[in-house]
Amino acid sequence: MSERISREELVKIYNIEITFFDELVDYGLLHIQIENDIHYLMYEDLPDLEKFANWHYDLEVNLPGLEVIHNMLKKLDALNKRNRELMNKLSAISDQYEDI
């Protein structure tokens, strides 16, 4: 089983409001596991929580703004990945024509 941390521990460690954490879950920005009425976040999702907390508390970005930024960054990552794939294909095609 993957490592996880409870919502209550996260609130103390990151000094965030429990309502902020719950709103991130409600917006679909964080995915949690619930066991025995305890909400858990997987360790692999901690970077997202840290990013959202920084944007919210340091830059004063509201929840809808966090959602927009997060979705745009995901799309940008997908476009960058697709661009690398296409550049690799183009390079392979170019190499074939150089051999002729």
N, C-alpha and C. Protein backbone atom coordinates (compact mmCIF):
# COMPACT_ATOMS: atom_id res chain seq x y z
N MET A 1 0.84 -1.18 0.00
CA MET A 1 0.00 0.00 0.00
C MET A 1 0.89 1.25 0.00
N SER A 2 0.50 2.24 -0.73
CA SER A 2 1.26 3.47 -0.83
C SER A 2 1.19 4.25 0.47
N GLU A 3 2.18 5.10 0.67
CA GLU A 3 2.22 5.95 1.85
C GLU A 3 1.15 7.02 1.75
N ARG A 4 0.58 7.38 2.88
CA ARG A 4 -0.46 8.40 2.91
C ARG A 4 -0.39 9.16 4.23
N ILE A 5 -1.06 10.30 4.24
CA ILE A 5 -1.06 11.16 5.43
C ILE A 5 -2.48 11.68 5.64
N SER A 6 -2.87 11.79 6.88
CA SER A 6 -4.24 12.21 7.18
C SER A 6 -4.42 13.71 6.96
N ARG A 7 -5.65 14.07 6.69
CA ARG A 7 -6.01 15.48 6.49
C ARG A 7 -5.64 16.31 7.72
N GLU A 8 -5.89 15.78 8.90
CA GLU A 8 -5.60 16.52 10.13
C GLU A 8 -4.11 16.80 10.28
N GLU A 9 -3.28 15.82 9.93
CA GLU A 9 -1.83 16.03 9.99
C GLU A 9 -1.40 17.08 8.97
N LEU A 10 -1.97 17.03 7.77
CA LEU A 10 -1.62 17.99 6.72
C LEU A 10 -1.96 19.41 7.14
N VAL A 11 -3.11 19.58 7.75
CA VAL A 11 -3.55 20.90 8.19
C VAL A 11 -2.55 21.48 9.19
N LYS A 12 -2.05 20.64 10.09
CA LYS A 12 -1.07 21.10 11.08
C LYS A 12 0.29 21.39 10.43
N ILE A 13 0.75 20.46 9.61
CA ILE A 13 2.08 20.58 9.00
C ILE A 13 2.17 21.78 8.07
N TYR A 14 1.17 21.94 7.20
CA TYR A 14 1.21 23.00 6.19
C TYR A 14 0.54 24.29 6.65
N ASN A 15 -0.01 24.28 7.85
CA ASN A 15 -0.66 25.46 8.41
C ASN A 15 -1.73 26.01 7.45
N ILE A 16 -2.60 25.10 7.02
CA ILE A 16 -3.70 25.47 6.13
C ILE A 16 -5.01 25.21 6.83
N GLU A 17 -6.07 25.81 6.33
CA GLU A 17 -7.39 25.61 6.91
C GLU A 17 -7.97 24.30 6.40
N ILE A 18 -8.68 23.60 7.27
CA ILE A 18 -9.28 22.34 6.87
C ILE A 18 -10.32 22.56 5.77
N THR A 19 -10.98 23.72 5.80
CA THR A 19 -11.96 24.03 4.75
C THR A 19 -11.28 24.20 3.40
N PHE A 20 -10.06 24.75 3.40
CA PHE A 20 -9.31 24.88 2.14
C PHE A 20 -9.02 23.50 1.57
N PHE A 21 -8.56 22.59 2.42
CA PHE A 21 -8.29 21.22 1.98
C PHE A 21 -9.56 20.58 1.41
N ASP A 22 -10.66 20.72 2.14
CA ASP A 22 -11.93 20.13 1.69
C ASP A 22 -12.40 20.74 0.37
N GLU A 23 -12.19 22.02 0.19
CA GLU A 23 -12.58 22.68 -1.07
C GLU A 23 -11.73 22.18 -2.23
N LEU A 24 -10.45 21.92 -1.99
CA LEU A 24 -9.59 21.35 -3.04
C LEU A 24 -10.13 19.99 -3.48
N VAL A 25 -10.61 19.21 -2.50
CA VAL A 25 -11.20 17.91 -2.82
C VAL A 25 -12.51 18.11 -3.58
N ASP A 26 -13.35 19.04 -3.13
CA ASP A 26 -14.64 19.31 -3.78
C ASP A 26 -14.45 19.76 -5.23
N TYR A 27 -13.40 20.53 -5.49
CA TYR A 27 -13.13 21.01 -6.84
C TYR A 27 -12.47 19.94 -7.70
N GLY A 28 -12.14 18.80 -7.10
CA GLY A 28 -11.50 17.72 -7.85
C GLY A 28 -10.00 17.94 -8.05
N LEU A 29 -9.42 18.87 -7.31
CA LEU A 29 -8.00 19.15 -7.44
C LEU A 29 -7.14 18.19 -6.63
N LEU A 30 -7.71 17.61 -5.58
CA LEU A 30 -7.04 16.58 -4.79
C LEU A 30 -7.96 15.37 -4.70
N HIS A 31 -7.36 14.21 -4.70
CA HIS A 31 -8.12 12.98 -4.57
C HIS A 31 -7.70 12.30 -3.28
N ILE A 32 -8.67 11.94 -2.50
CA ILE A 32 -8.39 11.39 -1.18
C ILE A 32 -8.91 9.97 -1.06
N GLN A 33 -8.44 9.31 -0.02
CA GLN A 33 -8.98 8.02 0.38
C GLN A 33 -9.60 8.21 1.76
N ILE A 34 -10.71 7.56 1.97
CA ILE A 34 -11.37 7.64 3.28
C ILE A 34 -11.41 6.25 3.88
N GLU A 35 -10.92 6.18 5.12
CA GLU A 35 -10.92 4.91 5.84
C GLU A 35 -11.26 5.21 7.29
N ASN A 36 -12.30 4.57 7.79
CA ASN A 36 -12.75 4.80 9.18
C ASN A 36 -13.01 6.27 9.45
N ASP A 37 -13.66 6.94 8.51
CA ASP A 37 -13.99 8.36 8.61
C ASP A 37 -12.77 9.28 8.68
N ILE A 38 -11.60 8.79 8.32
CA ILE A 38 -10.40 9.61 8.27
C ILE A 38 -10.04 9.83 6.80
N HIS A 39 -9.84 11.10 6.44
CA HIS A 39 -9.49 11.46 5.07
C HIS A 39 -7.97 11.42 4.91
N TYR A 40 -7.50 10.72 3.89
CA TYR A 40 -6.08 10.57 3.65
C TYR A 40 -5.72 11.10 2.26
N LEU A 41 -4.54 11.69 2.18
CA LEU A 41 -3.96 12.11 0.91
C LEU A 41 -2.72 11.26 0.69
N MET A 42 -2.55 10.76 -0.52
CA MET A 42 -1.38 9.95 -0.84
C MET A 42 -0.15 10.85 -0.91
N TYR A 43 0.99 10.32 -0.49
CA TYR A 43 2.23 11.11 -0.50
C TYR A 43 2.55 11.64 -1.90
N GLU A 44 2.23 10.86 -2.92
CA GLU A 44 2.54 11.29 -4.28
C GLU A 44 1.76 12.54 -4.69
N ASP A 45 0.67 12.85 -3.97
CA ASP A 45 -0.13 14.04 -4.27
C ASP A 45 0.28 15.26 -3.43
N LEU A 46 1.27 15.09 -2.57
CA LEU A 46 1.72 16.21 -1.74
C LEU A 46 2.24 17.40 -2.56
N PRO A 47 2.99 17.17 -3.66
CA PRO A 47 3.44 18.33 -4.44
C PRO A 47 2.28 19.19 -4.94
N ASP A 48 1.17 18.55 -5.32
CA ASP A 48 0.01 19.32 -5.76
C ASP A 48 -0.56 20.14 -4.61
N LEU A 49 -0.68 19.54 -3.44
CA LEU A 49 -1.20 20.27 -2.28
C LEU A 49 -0.29 21.47 -1.97
N GLU A 50 1.01 21.26 -1.99
CA GLU A 50 1.95 22.34 -1.70
C GLU A 50 1.81 23.47 -2.73
N LYS A 51 1.68 23.09 -3.98
CA LYS A 51 1.52 24.07 -5.06
C LYS A 51 0.23 24.87 -4.85
N PHE A 52 -0.86 24.19 -4.59
CA PHE A 52 -2.14 24.88 -4.39
C PHE A 52 -2.09 25.79 -3.17
N ALA A 53 -1.49 25.31 -2.09
CA ALA A 53 -1.39 26.12 -0.88
C ALA A 53 -0.55 27.37 -1.13
N ASN A 54 0.56 27.22 -1.83
CA ASN A 54 1.40 28.38 -2.15
C ASN A 54 0.65 29.38 -3.01
N TRP A 55 -0.01 28.90 -4.04
CA TRP A 55 -0.76 29.82 -4.92
C TRP A 55 -1.86 30.53 -4.14
N HIS A 56 -2.54 29.78 -3.28
CA HIS A 56 -3.68 30.34 -2.56
C HIS A 56 -3.24 31.33 -1.47
N TYR A 57 -2.32 30.91 -0.65
CA TYR A 57 -1.94 31.73 0.50
C TYR A 57 -0.90 32.80 0.15
N ASP A 58 0.04 32.49 -0.71
CA ASP A 58 1.09 33.46 -1.05
C ASP A 58 0.66 34.42 -2.16
N LEU A 59 -0.02 33.88 -3.17
CA LEU A 59 -0.42 34.70 -4.32
C LEU A 59 -1.88 35.13 -4.28
N GLU A 60 -2.61 34.65 -3.27
CA GLU A 60 -4.01 34.98 -3.08
C GLU A 60 -4.90 34.59 -4.26
N VAL A 61 -4.61 33.42 -4.83
CA VAL A 61 -5.42 32.88 -5.93
C VAL A 61 -6.59 32.12 -5.31
N ASN A 62 -7.82 32.42 -5.76
CA ASN A 62 -8.99 31.75 -5.21
C ASN A 62 -9.15 30.35 -5.82
N LEU A 63 -10.12 29.60 -5.31
CA LEU A 63 -10.29 28.22 -5.75
C LEU A 63 -10.60 28.09 -7.24
N PRO A 64 -11.52 28.90 -7.81
CA PRO A 64 -11.72 28.80 -9.24
C PRO A 64 -10.44 29.11 -10.03
N GLY A 65 -9.66 30.05 -9.53
CA GLY A 65 -8.39 30.37 -10.18
C GLY A 65 -7.41 29.21 -10.12
N LEU A 66 -7.36 28.53 -8.97
CA LEU A 66 -6.50 27.36 -8.84
C LEU A 66 -6.88 26.29 -9.85
N GLU A 67 -8.19 26.12 -10.00
CA GLU A 67 -8.67 25.10 -10.94
C GLU A 67 -8.27 25.45 -12.36
N VAL A 68 -8.43 26.71 -12.74
CA VAL A 68 -8.07 27.15 -14.09
C VAL A 68 -6.58 26.98 -14.33
N ILE A 69 -5.76 27.44 -13.39
CA ILE A 69 -4.30 27.34 -13.54
C ILE A 69 -3.88 25.89 -13.63
N HIS A 70 -4.43 25.06 -12.77
CA HIS A 70 -4.08 23.63 -12.76
C HIS A 70 -4.43 22.97 -14.09
N ASN A 71 -5.63 23.24 -14.58
CA ASN A 71 -6.05 22.65 -15.85
C ASN A 71 -5.21 23.16 -17.02
N MET A 72 -4.87 24.43 -17.02
CA MET A 72 -4.04 24.98 -18.09
C MET A 72 -2.64 24.36 -18.06
N LEU A 73 -2.08 24.18 -16.88
CA LEU A 73 -0.75 23.57 -16.77
C LEU A 73 -0.77 22.11 -17.22
N LYS A 74 -1.86 21.39 -16.91
CA LYS A 74 -1.98 20.02 -17.38
C LYS A 74 -2.04 19.98 -18.90
N LYS A 75 -2.80 20.90 -19.50
CA LYS A 75 -2.90 20.96 -20.96
C LYS A 75 -1.56 21.33 -21.58
N LEU A 76 -0.85 22.26 -20.94
CA LEU A 76 0.46 22.66 -21.43
C LEU A 76 1.43 21.49 -21.39
N ASP A 77 1.41 20.72 -20.31
CA ASP A 77 2.27 19.54 -20.21
C ASP A 77 1.94 18.53 -21.31
N ALA A 78 0.65 18.32 -21.57
CA ALA A 78 0.23 17.38 -22.61
C ALA A 78 0.69 17.87 -23.99
N LEU A 79 0.56 19.17 -24.23
CA LEU A 79 1.00 19.73 -25.51
C LEU A 79 2.52 19.63 -25.66
N ASN A 80 3.25 19.86 -24.59
CA ASN A 80 4.71 19.72 -24.65
C ASN A 80 5.11 18.28 -24.93
N LYS A 81 4.41 17.34 -24.31
CA LYS A 81 4.70 15.92 -24.56
C LYS A 81 4.42 15.58 -26.02
N ARG A 82 3.29 16.03 -26.52
CA ARG A 82 2.92 15.76 -27.91
C ARG A 82 3.92 16.41 -28.87
N ASN A 83 4.36 17.62 -28.54
CA ASN A 83 5.34 18.31 -29.37
C ASN A 83 6.66 17.52 -29.42
N ARG A 84 7.10 16.99 -28.28
CA ARG A 84 8.33 16.18 -28.27
C ARG A 84 8.16 14.93 -29.13
N GLU A 85 6.99 14.29 -29.02
CA GLU A 85 6.73 13.10 -29.84
C GLU A 85 6.80 13.43 -31.32
N LEU A 86 6.17 14.52 -31.72
CA LEU A 86 6.17 14.92 -33.12
C LEU A 86 7.55 15.31 -33.60
N MET A 87 8.32 15.99 -32.74
CA MET A 87 9.69 16.36 -33.12
C MET A 87 10.55 15.11 -33.29
N ASN A 88 10.36 14.11 -32.45
CA ASN A 88 11.10 12.85 -32.58
C ASN A 88 10.74 12.16 -33.89
N LYS A 89 9.46 12.14 -34.24
CA LYS A 89 9.03 11.53 -35.50
C LYS A 89 9.60 12.29 -36.69
N LEU A 90 9.56 13.60 -36.60
CA LEU A 90 10.10 14.44 -37.68
C LEU A 90 11.59 14.20 -37.83
N SER A 91 12.28 14.08 -36.74
CA SER A 91 13.72 13.83 -36.77
C SER A 91 14.01 12.46 -37.41
N ALA A 92 13.20 11.47 -37.07
CA ALA A 92 13.40 10.13 -37.65
C ALA A 92 13.14 10.16 -39.15
N ILE A 93 12.11 10.87 -39.58
CA ILE A 93 11.82 10.98 -41.01
C ILE A 93 12.95 11.73 -41.72
N SER A 94 13.41 12.79 -41.11
CA SER A 94 14.50 13.57 -41.69
C SER A 94 15.76 12.73 -41.83
N ASP A 95 16.04 11.90 -40.84
CA ASP A 95 17.21 11.03 -40.89
C ASP A 95 17.09 10.03 -42.03
N GLN A 96 15.88 9.53 -42.30
CA GLN A 96 15.68 8.59 -43.40
C GLN A 96 15.98 9.23 -44.74
N TYR A 97 15.57 10.48 -44.91
CA TYR A 97 15.79 11.15 -46.18
C TYR A 97 17.24 11.56 -46.37
N GLU A 98 17.96 11.76 -45.30
CA GLU A 98 19.39 12.06 -45.41
C GLU A 98 20.17 10.84 -45.87
N ASP A 99 19.69 9.66 -45.57
CA ASP A 99 20.36 8.43 -45.96
C ASP A 99 20.17 8.10 -47.44
N ILE A 100 19.21 8.76 -48.09
CA ILE A 100 18.92 8.45 -49.50
C ILE A 100 19.89 9.15 -50.41
